[in-house]
Amino acid sequence: MIPKWTHGLRTTYTTPDKVASISFNWRHIGSLTNASNSGDPDLGGTTANARKTFYRIDPQDYFDLAFSFAVGRNYTFRLSANNLLDKVPPILPNSYNVSLSRNNTIPQRYDSLGRQIAAGVTLNF
């Protein structure tokens, strides 16, 4: 299953004094259709093995947010949240023919862990 369209769009604002920055990232994954429903024999699709249910996954959007603050000359603090809205990945009742993992989603493509928050510090000597 390959999406028809996928993209990532990141925008970052840095203050004029370069003390702080905020970054917003939008990850879009277009709809996916099971290749066996294509009818194209080069993709393994025929009308004989076409799926009747759960053959399509709707488009998904994920949003990430990151902050960076320079505290003093040698100290920077970072905070980020991936999958900010804690979007649940699409559920497939039989994902074995897609991801070979039998975990009811496609973890290689979708954010299966939910919201992830990270913090970090950089010290320059």
N, C-alpha and C. Protein backbone atom coordinates (compact mmCIF):
# COMPACT_ATOMS: atom_id res chain seq x y z
N MET A 1 0.84 -1.17 0.00
CA MET A 1 0.00 0.00 0.00
C MET A 1 0.89 1.24 0.00
N ILE A 2 0.78 2.01 -1.04
CA ILE A 2 1.58 3.22 -1.19
C ILE A 2 0.61 4.40 -1.29
N PRO A 3 0.86 5.47 -0.53
CA PRO A 3 -0.07 6.60 -0.59
C PRO A 3 0.02 7.31 -1.94
N LYS A 4 -1.10 7.89 -2.32
CA LYS A 4 -1.14 8.65 -3.56
C LYS A 4 -0.30 9.91 -3.45
N TRP A 5 -0.27 10.51 -2.25
CA TRP A 5 0.49 11.74 -2.02
C TRP A 5 0.94 11.77 -0.57
N THR A 6 2.15 12.21 -0.34
CA THR A 6 2.65 12.41 1.01
C THR A 6 3.57 13.62 1.01
N HIS A 7 3.56 14.38 2.10
CA HIS A 7 4.47 15.52 2.17
C HIS A 7 4.73 15.90 3.63
N GLY A 8 5.75 16.66 3.80
CA GLY A 8 6.08 17.28 5.09
C GLY A 8 6.33 18.75 4.86
N LEU A 9 5.74 19.58 5.70
CA LEU A 9 5.92 21.03 5.57
C LEU A 9 6.32 21.58 6.93
N ARG A 10 7.50 22.16 7.01
CA ARG A 10 8.00 22.71 8.27
C ARG A 10 8.20 24.21 8.11
N THR A 11 7.78 24.93 9.13
CA THR A 11 8.05 26.36 9.17
C THR A 11 8.63 26.70 10.53
N THR A 12 9.58 27.60 10.55
CA THR A 12 10.27 27.96 11.79
C THR A 12 10.35 29.47 11.91
N TYR A 13 10.07 29.97 13.11
CA TYR A 13 10.25 31.38 13.40
C TYR A 13 11.33 31.51 14.47
N THR A 14 12.31 32.34 14.20
CA THR A 14 13.39 32.62 15.15
C THR A 14 13.32 34.10 15.50
N THR A 15 13.38 34.41 16.79
CA THR A 15 13.32 35.80 17.21
C THR A 15 14.53 36.56 16.66
N PRO A 16 14.39 37.87 16.46
CA PRO A 16 15.51 38.65 15.90
C PRO A 16 16.80 38.55 16.71
N ASP A 17 16.67 38.40 18.02
CA ASP A 17 17.88 38.28 18.84
C ASP A 17 18.40 36.85 18.91
N LYS A 18 17.76 35.91 18.21
CA LYS A 18 18.14 34.50 18.12
C LYS A 18 18.16 33.79 19.47
N VAL A 19 17.34 34.26 20.40
CA VAL A 19 17.25 33.65 21.72
C VAL A 19 16.26 32.49 21.71
N ALA A 20 15.20 32.61 20.94
CA ALA A 20 14.16 31.58 20.93
C ALA A 20 13.71 31.29 19.51
N SER A 21 13.24 30.07 19.32
CA SER A 21 12.64 29.70 18.04
C SER A 21 11.50 28.72 18.28
N ILE A 22 10.56 28.75 17.38
CA ILE A 22 9.44 27.82 17.41
C ILE A 22 9.32 27.23 16.02
N SER A 23 9.08 25.94 15.96
CA SER A 23 9.00 25.24 14.69
C SER A 23 7.74 24.39 14.66
N PHE A 24 7.01 24.48 13.54
CA PHE A 24 5.79 23.71 13.35
C PHE A 24 5.95 22.83 12.12
N ASN A 25 5.60 21.57 12.25
CA ASN A 25 5.74 20.61 11.15
C ASN A 25 4.40 19.93 10.89
N TRP A 26 4.01 19.88 9.63
CA TRP A 26 2.78 19.20 9.23
C TRP A 26 3.18 18.02 8.35
N ARG A 27 2.85 16.81 8.78
CA ARG A 27 3.11 15.60 8.01
C ARG A 27 1.78 15.08 7.47
N HIS A 28 1.70 14.94 6.16
CA HIS A 28 0.47 14.46 5.52
C HIS A 28 0.75 13.15 4.81
N ILE A 29 -0.11 12.17 5.03
CA ILE A 29 -0.04 10.88 4.34
C ILE A 29 -1.37 10.73 3.60
N GLY A 30 -1.30 10.66 2.29
CA GLY A 30 -2.51 10.54 1.49
C GLY A 30 -3.19 9.20 1.68
N SER A 31 -4.33 9.05 1.06
CA SER A 31 -5.08 7.80 1.19
C SER A 31 -4.30 6.64 0.58
N LEU A 32 -4.51 5.47 1.14
CA LEU A 32 -3.87 4.25 0.65
C LEU A 32 -4.95 3.29 0.20
N THR A 33 -4.68 2.60 -0.89
CA THR A 33 -5.59 1.57 -1.38
C THR A 33 -4.79 0.29 -1.52
N ASN A 34 -5.36 -0.81 -1.12
CA ASN A 34 -4.70 -2.10 -1.22
C ASN A 34 -4.39 -2.39 -2.68
N ALA A 35 -3.15 -2.79 -2.98
CA ALA A 35 -2.74 -3.03 -4.36
C ALA A 35 -3.53 -4.15 -5.01
N SER A 36 -4.03 -5.10 -4.22
CA SER A 36 -4.79 -6.20 -4.81
C SER A 36 -6.12 -5.72 -5.37
N ASN A 37 -6.55 -4.52 -5.03
CA ASN A 37 -7.80 -3.96 -5.58
C ASN A 37 -7.55 -3.13 -6.83
N SER A 38 -6.33 -3.03 -7.28
CA SER A 38 -6.04 -2.18 -8.43
C SER A 38 -6.46 -2.80 -9.74
N GLY A 39 -6.48 -4.10 -9.84
CA GLY A 39 -6.76 -4.76 -11.11
C GLY A 39 -5.54 -4.83 -12.00
N ASP A 40 -4.42 -4.23 -11.56
CA ASP A 40 -3.18 -4.25 -12.33
C ASP A 40 -2.37 -5.48 -11.95
N PRO A 41 -2.16 -6.42 -12.87
CA PRO A 41 -1.41 -7.63 -12.52
C PRO A 41 0.04 -7.36 -12.15
N ASP A 42 0.62 -6.25 -12.61
CA ASP A 42 1.99 -5.91 -12.23
C ASP A 42 2.09 -5.58 -10.74
N LEU A 43 0.97 -5.16 -10.13
CA LEU A 43 0.95 -4.86 -8.69
C LEU A 43 0.39 -6.02 -7.88
N GLY A 44 0.10 -7.12 -8.56
CA GLY A 44 -0.48 -8.27 -7.87
C GLY A 44 -1.99 -8.17 -7.75
N GLY A 45 -2.59 -7.26 -8.47
CA GLY A 45 -4.03 -7.06 -8.36
C GLY A 45 -4.80 -7.80 -9.43
N THR A 46 -5.82 -8.48 -9.00
CA THR A 46 -6.76 -9.12 -9.92
C THR A 46 -8.15 -8.94 -9.33
N THR A 47 -9.14 -9.15 -10.13
CA THR A 47 -10.50 -9.06 -9.58
C THR A 47 -10.81 -10.27 -8.71
N ALA A 48 -10.07 -11.35 -8.86
CA ALA A 48 -10.33 -12.56 -8.07
C ALA A 48 -9.96 -12.37 -6.60
N ASN A 49 -8.87 -11.65 -6.31
CA ASN A 49 -8.44 -11.50 -4.92
C ASN A 49 -8.68 -10.09 -4.37
N ALA A 50 -9.55 -9.34 -4.99
CA ALA A 50 -9.85 -7.98 -4.53
C ALA A 50 -10.56 -8.03 -3.18
N ARG A 51 -10.15 -7.16 -2.29
CA ARG A 51 -10.77 -7.09 -0.97
C ARG A 51 -12.07 -6.31 -1.06
N LYS A 52 -13.04 -6.74 -0.31
CA LYS A 52 -14.34 -6.07 -0.29
C LYS A 52 -14.47 -5.12 0.90
N THR A 53 -13.72 -5.36 1.97
CA THR A 53 -13.76 -4.50 3.15
C THR A 53 -12.34 -4.09 3.53
N PHE A 54 -12.21 -2.96 4.14
CA PHE A 54 -10.93 -2.45 4.64
C PHE A 54 -9.86 -2.42 3.55
N TYR A 55 -10.25 -2.03 2.36
CA TYR A 55 -9.29 -1.97 1.26
C TYR A 55 -8.69 -0.58 1.09
N ARG A 56 -9.21 0.41 1.84
CA ARG A 56 -8.73 1.79 1.70
C ARG A 56 -8.54 2.41 3.08
N ILE A 57 -7.50 3.22 3.20
CA ILE A 57 -7.24 3.96 4.44
C ILE A 57 -7.34 5.44 4.09
N ASP A 58 -8.11 6.17 4.87
CA ASP A 58 -8.29 7.60 4.64
C ASP A 58 -6.98 8.37 4.88
N PRO A 59 -6.85 9.57 4.30
CA PRO A 59 -5.65 10.38 4.53
C PRO A 59 -5.47 10.70 6.02
N GLN A 60 -4.22 10.84 6.43
CA GLN A 60 -3.89 11.13 7.82
C GLN A 60 -2.98 12.35 7.87
N ASP A 61 -3.16 13.17 8.90
CA ASP A 61 -2.31 14.35 9.12
C ASP A 61 -1.78 14.32 10.54
N TYR A 62 -0.49 14.61 10.68
CA TYR A 62 0.14 14.70 11.99
C TYR A 62 0.80 16.07 12.10
N PHE A 63 0.77 16.63 13.31
CA PHE A 63 1.35 17.95 13.55
C PHE A 63 2.36 17.85 14.69
N ASP A 64 3.52 18.46 14.47
CA ASP A 64 4.61 18.46 15.46
C ASP A 64 4.95 19.90 15.80
N LEU A 65 5.39 20.10 17.04
CA LEU A 65 5.75 21.44 17.51
C LEU A 65 7.04 21.35 18.31
N ALA A 66 7.95 22.30 18.09
CA ALA A 66 9.23 22.30 18.81
C ALA A 66 9.60 23.72 19.21
N PHE A 67 10.15 23.84 20.41
CA PHE A 67 10.62 25.12 20.94
C PHE A 67 12.10 25.00 21.27
N SER A 68 12.81 26.10 21.12
CA SER A 68 14.21 26.16 21.51
C SER A 68 14.46 27.52 22.16
N PHE A 69 15.08 27.50 23.35
CA PHE A 69 15.38 28.74 24.09
C PHE A 69 16.84 28.75 24.48
N ALA A 70 17.51 29.84 24.15
CA ALA A 70 18.89 30.02 24.58
C ALA A 70 18.86 30.71 25.94
N VAL A 71 19.29 29.99 26.95
CA VAL A 71 19.32 30.53 28.31
C VAL A 71 20.79 30.80 28.62
N GLY A 72 21.16 32.04 28.51
CA GLY A 72 22.58 32.36 28.70
C GLY A 72 23.35 32.09 27.42
N ARG A 73 24.64 32.23 27.53
CA ARG A 73 25.48 32.12 26.34
C ARG A 73 25.78 30.67 25.94
N ASN A 74 25.87 29.78 26.92
CA ASN A 74 26.31 28.42 26.65
C ASN A 74 25.26 27.36 26.94
N TYR A 75 24.03 27.76 27.09
CA TYR A 75 23.00 26.83 27.54
C TYR A 75 21.75 26.99 26.69
N THR A 76 21.29 25.91 26.04
CA THR A 76 20.08 25.93 25.21
C THR A 76 19.15 24.83 25.66
N PHE A 77 17.89 25.16 25.80
CA PHE A 77 16.86 24.21 26.21
C PHE A 77 15.92 23.96 25.03
N ARG A 78 15.59 22.69 24.79
CA ARG A 78 14.70 22.31 23.70
C ARG A 78 13.53 21.50 24.24
N LEU A 79 12.36 21.72 23.67
CA LEU A 79 11.17 20.96 24.02
C LEU A 79 10.41 20.69 22.73
N SER A 80 10.02 19.44 22.51
CA SER A 80 9.29 19.11 21.30
C SER A 80 8.17 18.12 21.58
N ALA A 81 7.14 18.18 20.74
CA ALA A 81 6.03 17.24 20.82
C ALA A 81 5.71 16.78 19.41
N ASN A 82 5.90 15.50 19.16
CA ASN A 82 5.52 14.90 17.88
C ASN A 82 4.13 14.31 18.02
N ASN A 83 3.34 14.37 16.96
CA ASN A 83 1.93 13.96 16.99
C ASN A 83 1.22 14.73 18.10
N LEU A 84 1.30 16.02 18.00
CA LEU A 84 0.80 16.95 19.01
C LEU A 84 -0.64 16.67 19.43
N LEU A 85 -1.50 16.31 18.48
CA LEU A 85 -2.91 16.09 18.78
C LEU A 85 -3.20 14.65 19.19
N ASP A 86 -2.16 13.83 19.34
CA ASP A 86 -2.28 12.44 19.78
C ASP A 86 -3.24 11.64 18.89
N LYS A 87 -3.04 11.78 17.60
CA LYS A 87 -3.90 11.11 16.63
C LYS A 87 -3.62 9.61 16.63
N VAL A 88 -4.68 8.83 16.69
CA VAL A 88 -4.57 7.38 16.70
C VAL A 88 -4.36 6.90 15.26
N PRO A 89 -3.45 5.94 15.05
CA PRO A 89 -3.23 5.45 13.68
C PRO A 89 -4.45 4.69 13.19
N PRO A 90 -4.62 4.59 11.87
CA PRO A 90 -5.75 3.83 11.34
C PRO A 90 -5.60 2.36 11.70
N ILE A 91 -6.72 1.74 11.98
CA ILE A 91 -6.72 0.33 12.38
C ILE A 91 -7.12 -0.53 11.19
N LEU A 92 -6.33 -1.56 10.95
CA LEU A 92 -6.62 -2.54 9.91
C LEU A 92 -6.84 -3.89 10.58
N PRO A 93 -7.98 -4.52 10.37
CA PRO A 93 -8.22 -5.79 11.03
C PRO A 93 -7.28 -6.90 10.57
N ASN A 94 -6.71 -6.79 9.37
CA ASN A 94 -5.75 -7.78 8.91
C ASN A 94 -4.63 -7.05 8.19
N SER A 95 -3.61 -6.68 8.94
CA SER A 95 -2.51 -5.93 8.35
C SER A 95 -1.38 -6.84 7.90
N TYR A 96 -1.54 -8.14 8.02
CA TYR A 96 -0.45 -9.05 7.67
C TYR A 96 -0.05 -8.94 6.21
N ASN A 97 -1.02 -8.77 5.32
CA ASN A 97 -0.67 -8.68 3.91
C ASN A 97 -0.09 -7.32 3.54
N VAL A 98 -0.05 -6.39 4.50
CA VAL A 98 0.49 -5.06 4.24
C VAL A 98 1.84 -4.87 4.91
N SER A 99 1.91 -5.09 6.22
CA SER A 99 3.14 -4.78 6.95
C SER A 99 3.83 -6.00 7.53
N LEU A 100 3.26 -7.16 7.38
CA LEU A 100 3.84 -8.41 7.85
C LEU A 100 4.12 -8.40 9.35
N SER A 101 3.38 -7.60 10.09
CA SER A 101 3.66 -7.50 11.52
C SER A 101 2.48 -7.89 12.39
N ARG A 102 1.31 -8.04 11.81
CA ARG A 102 0.10 -8.45 12.53
C ARG A 102 -0.19 -7.57 13.75
N ASN A 103 -0.04 -6.27 13.60
CA ASN A 103 -0.30 -5.37 14.72
C ASN A 103 -1.43 -4.39 14.45
N ASN A 104 -2.24 -4.64 13.44
CA ASN A 104 -3.46 -3.89 13.13
C ASN A 104 -3.23 -2.46 12.67
N THR A 105 -2.05 -2.13 12.25
CA THR A 105 -1.78 -0.85 11.60
C THR A 105 -0.51 -1.02 10.77
N ILE A 106 -0.04 0.05 10.17
CA ILE A 106 1.21 0.01 9.41
C ILE A 106 2.20 0.90 10.14
N PRO A 107 2.98 0.34 11.07
CA PRO A 107 3.85 1.18 11.89
C PRO A 107 4.98 1.85 11.12
N GLN A 108 5.32 1.34 9.95
CA GLN A 108 6.35 1.97 9.14
C GLN A 108 5.87 3.29 8.55
N ARG A 109 4.56 3.45 8.43
CA ARG A 109 4.01 4.64 7.79
C ARG A 109 3.31 5.57 8.77
N TYR A 110 2.64 5.03 9.77
CA TYR A 110 1.84 5.84 10.69
C TYR A 110 2.49 5.93 12.06
N ASP A 111 2.17 6.97 12.78
CA ASP A 111 2.70 7.22 14.12
C ASP A 111 1.96 6.34 15.12
N SER A 112 2.45 5.11 15.30
CA SER A 112 1.72 4.14 16.12
C SER A 112 1.93 4.32 17.62
N LEU A 113 2.87 5.13 18.04
CA LEU A 113 3.13 5.33 19.48
C LEU A 113 2.31 6.46 20.09
N GLY A 114 1.64 7.25 19.27
CA GLY A 114 0.88 8.38 19.80
C GLY A 114 1.79 9.57 20.04
N ARG A 115 1.34 10.48 20.89
CA ARG A 115 2.11 11.70 21.18
C ARG A 115 3.43 11.34 21.87
N GLN A 116 4.49 11.99 21.42
CA GLN A 116 5.81 11.80 22.01
C GLN A 116 6.37 13.16 22.39
N ILE A 117 6.74 13.30 23.63
CA ILE A 117 7.28 14.57 24.13
C ILE A 117 8.74 14.34 24.51
N ALA A 118 9.59 15.26 24.09
CA ALA A 118 11.02 15.16 24.38
C ALA A 118 11.55 16.50 24.84
N ALA A 119 12.50 16.44 25.72
CA ALA A 119 13.19 17.65 26.21
C ALA A 119 14.69 17.40 26.14
N GLY A 120 15.41 18.46 25.86
CA GLY A 120 16.86 18.32 25.75
C GLY A 120 17.57 19.60 26.15
N VAL A 121 18.82 19.46 26.49
CA VAL A 121 19.66 20.58 26.89
C VAL A 121 20.98 20.47 26.16
N THR A 122 21.47 21.59 25.67
CA THR A 122 22.79 21.64 25.06
C THR A 122 23.67 22.57 25.90
N LEU A 123 24.82 22.07 26.31
CA LEU A 123 25.80 22.88 27.04
C LEU A 123 27.04 23.04 26.16
N ASN A 124 27.46 24.26 25.94
CA ASN A 124 28.67 24.53 25.16
C ASN A 124 29.76 24.99 26.12
N PHE A 125 30.92 24.39 25.99
CA PHE A 125 32.06 24.75 26.85
C PHE A 125 33.08 25.55 26.08
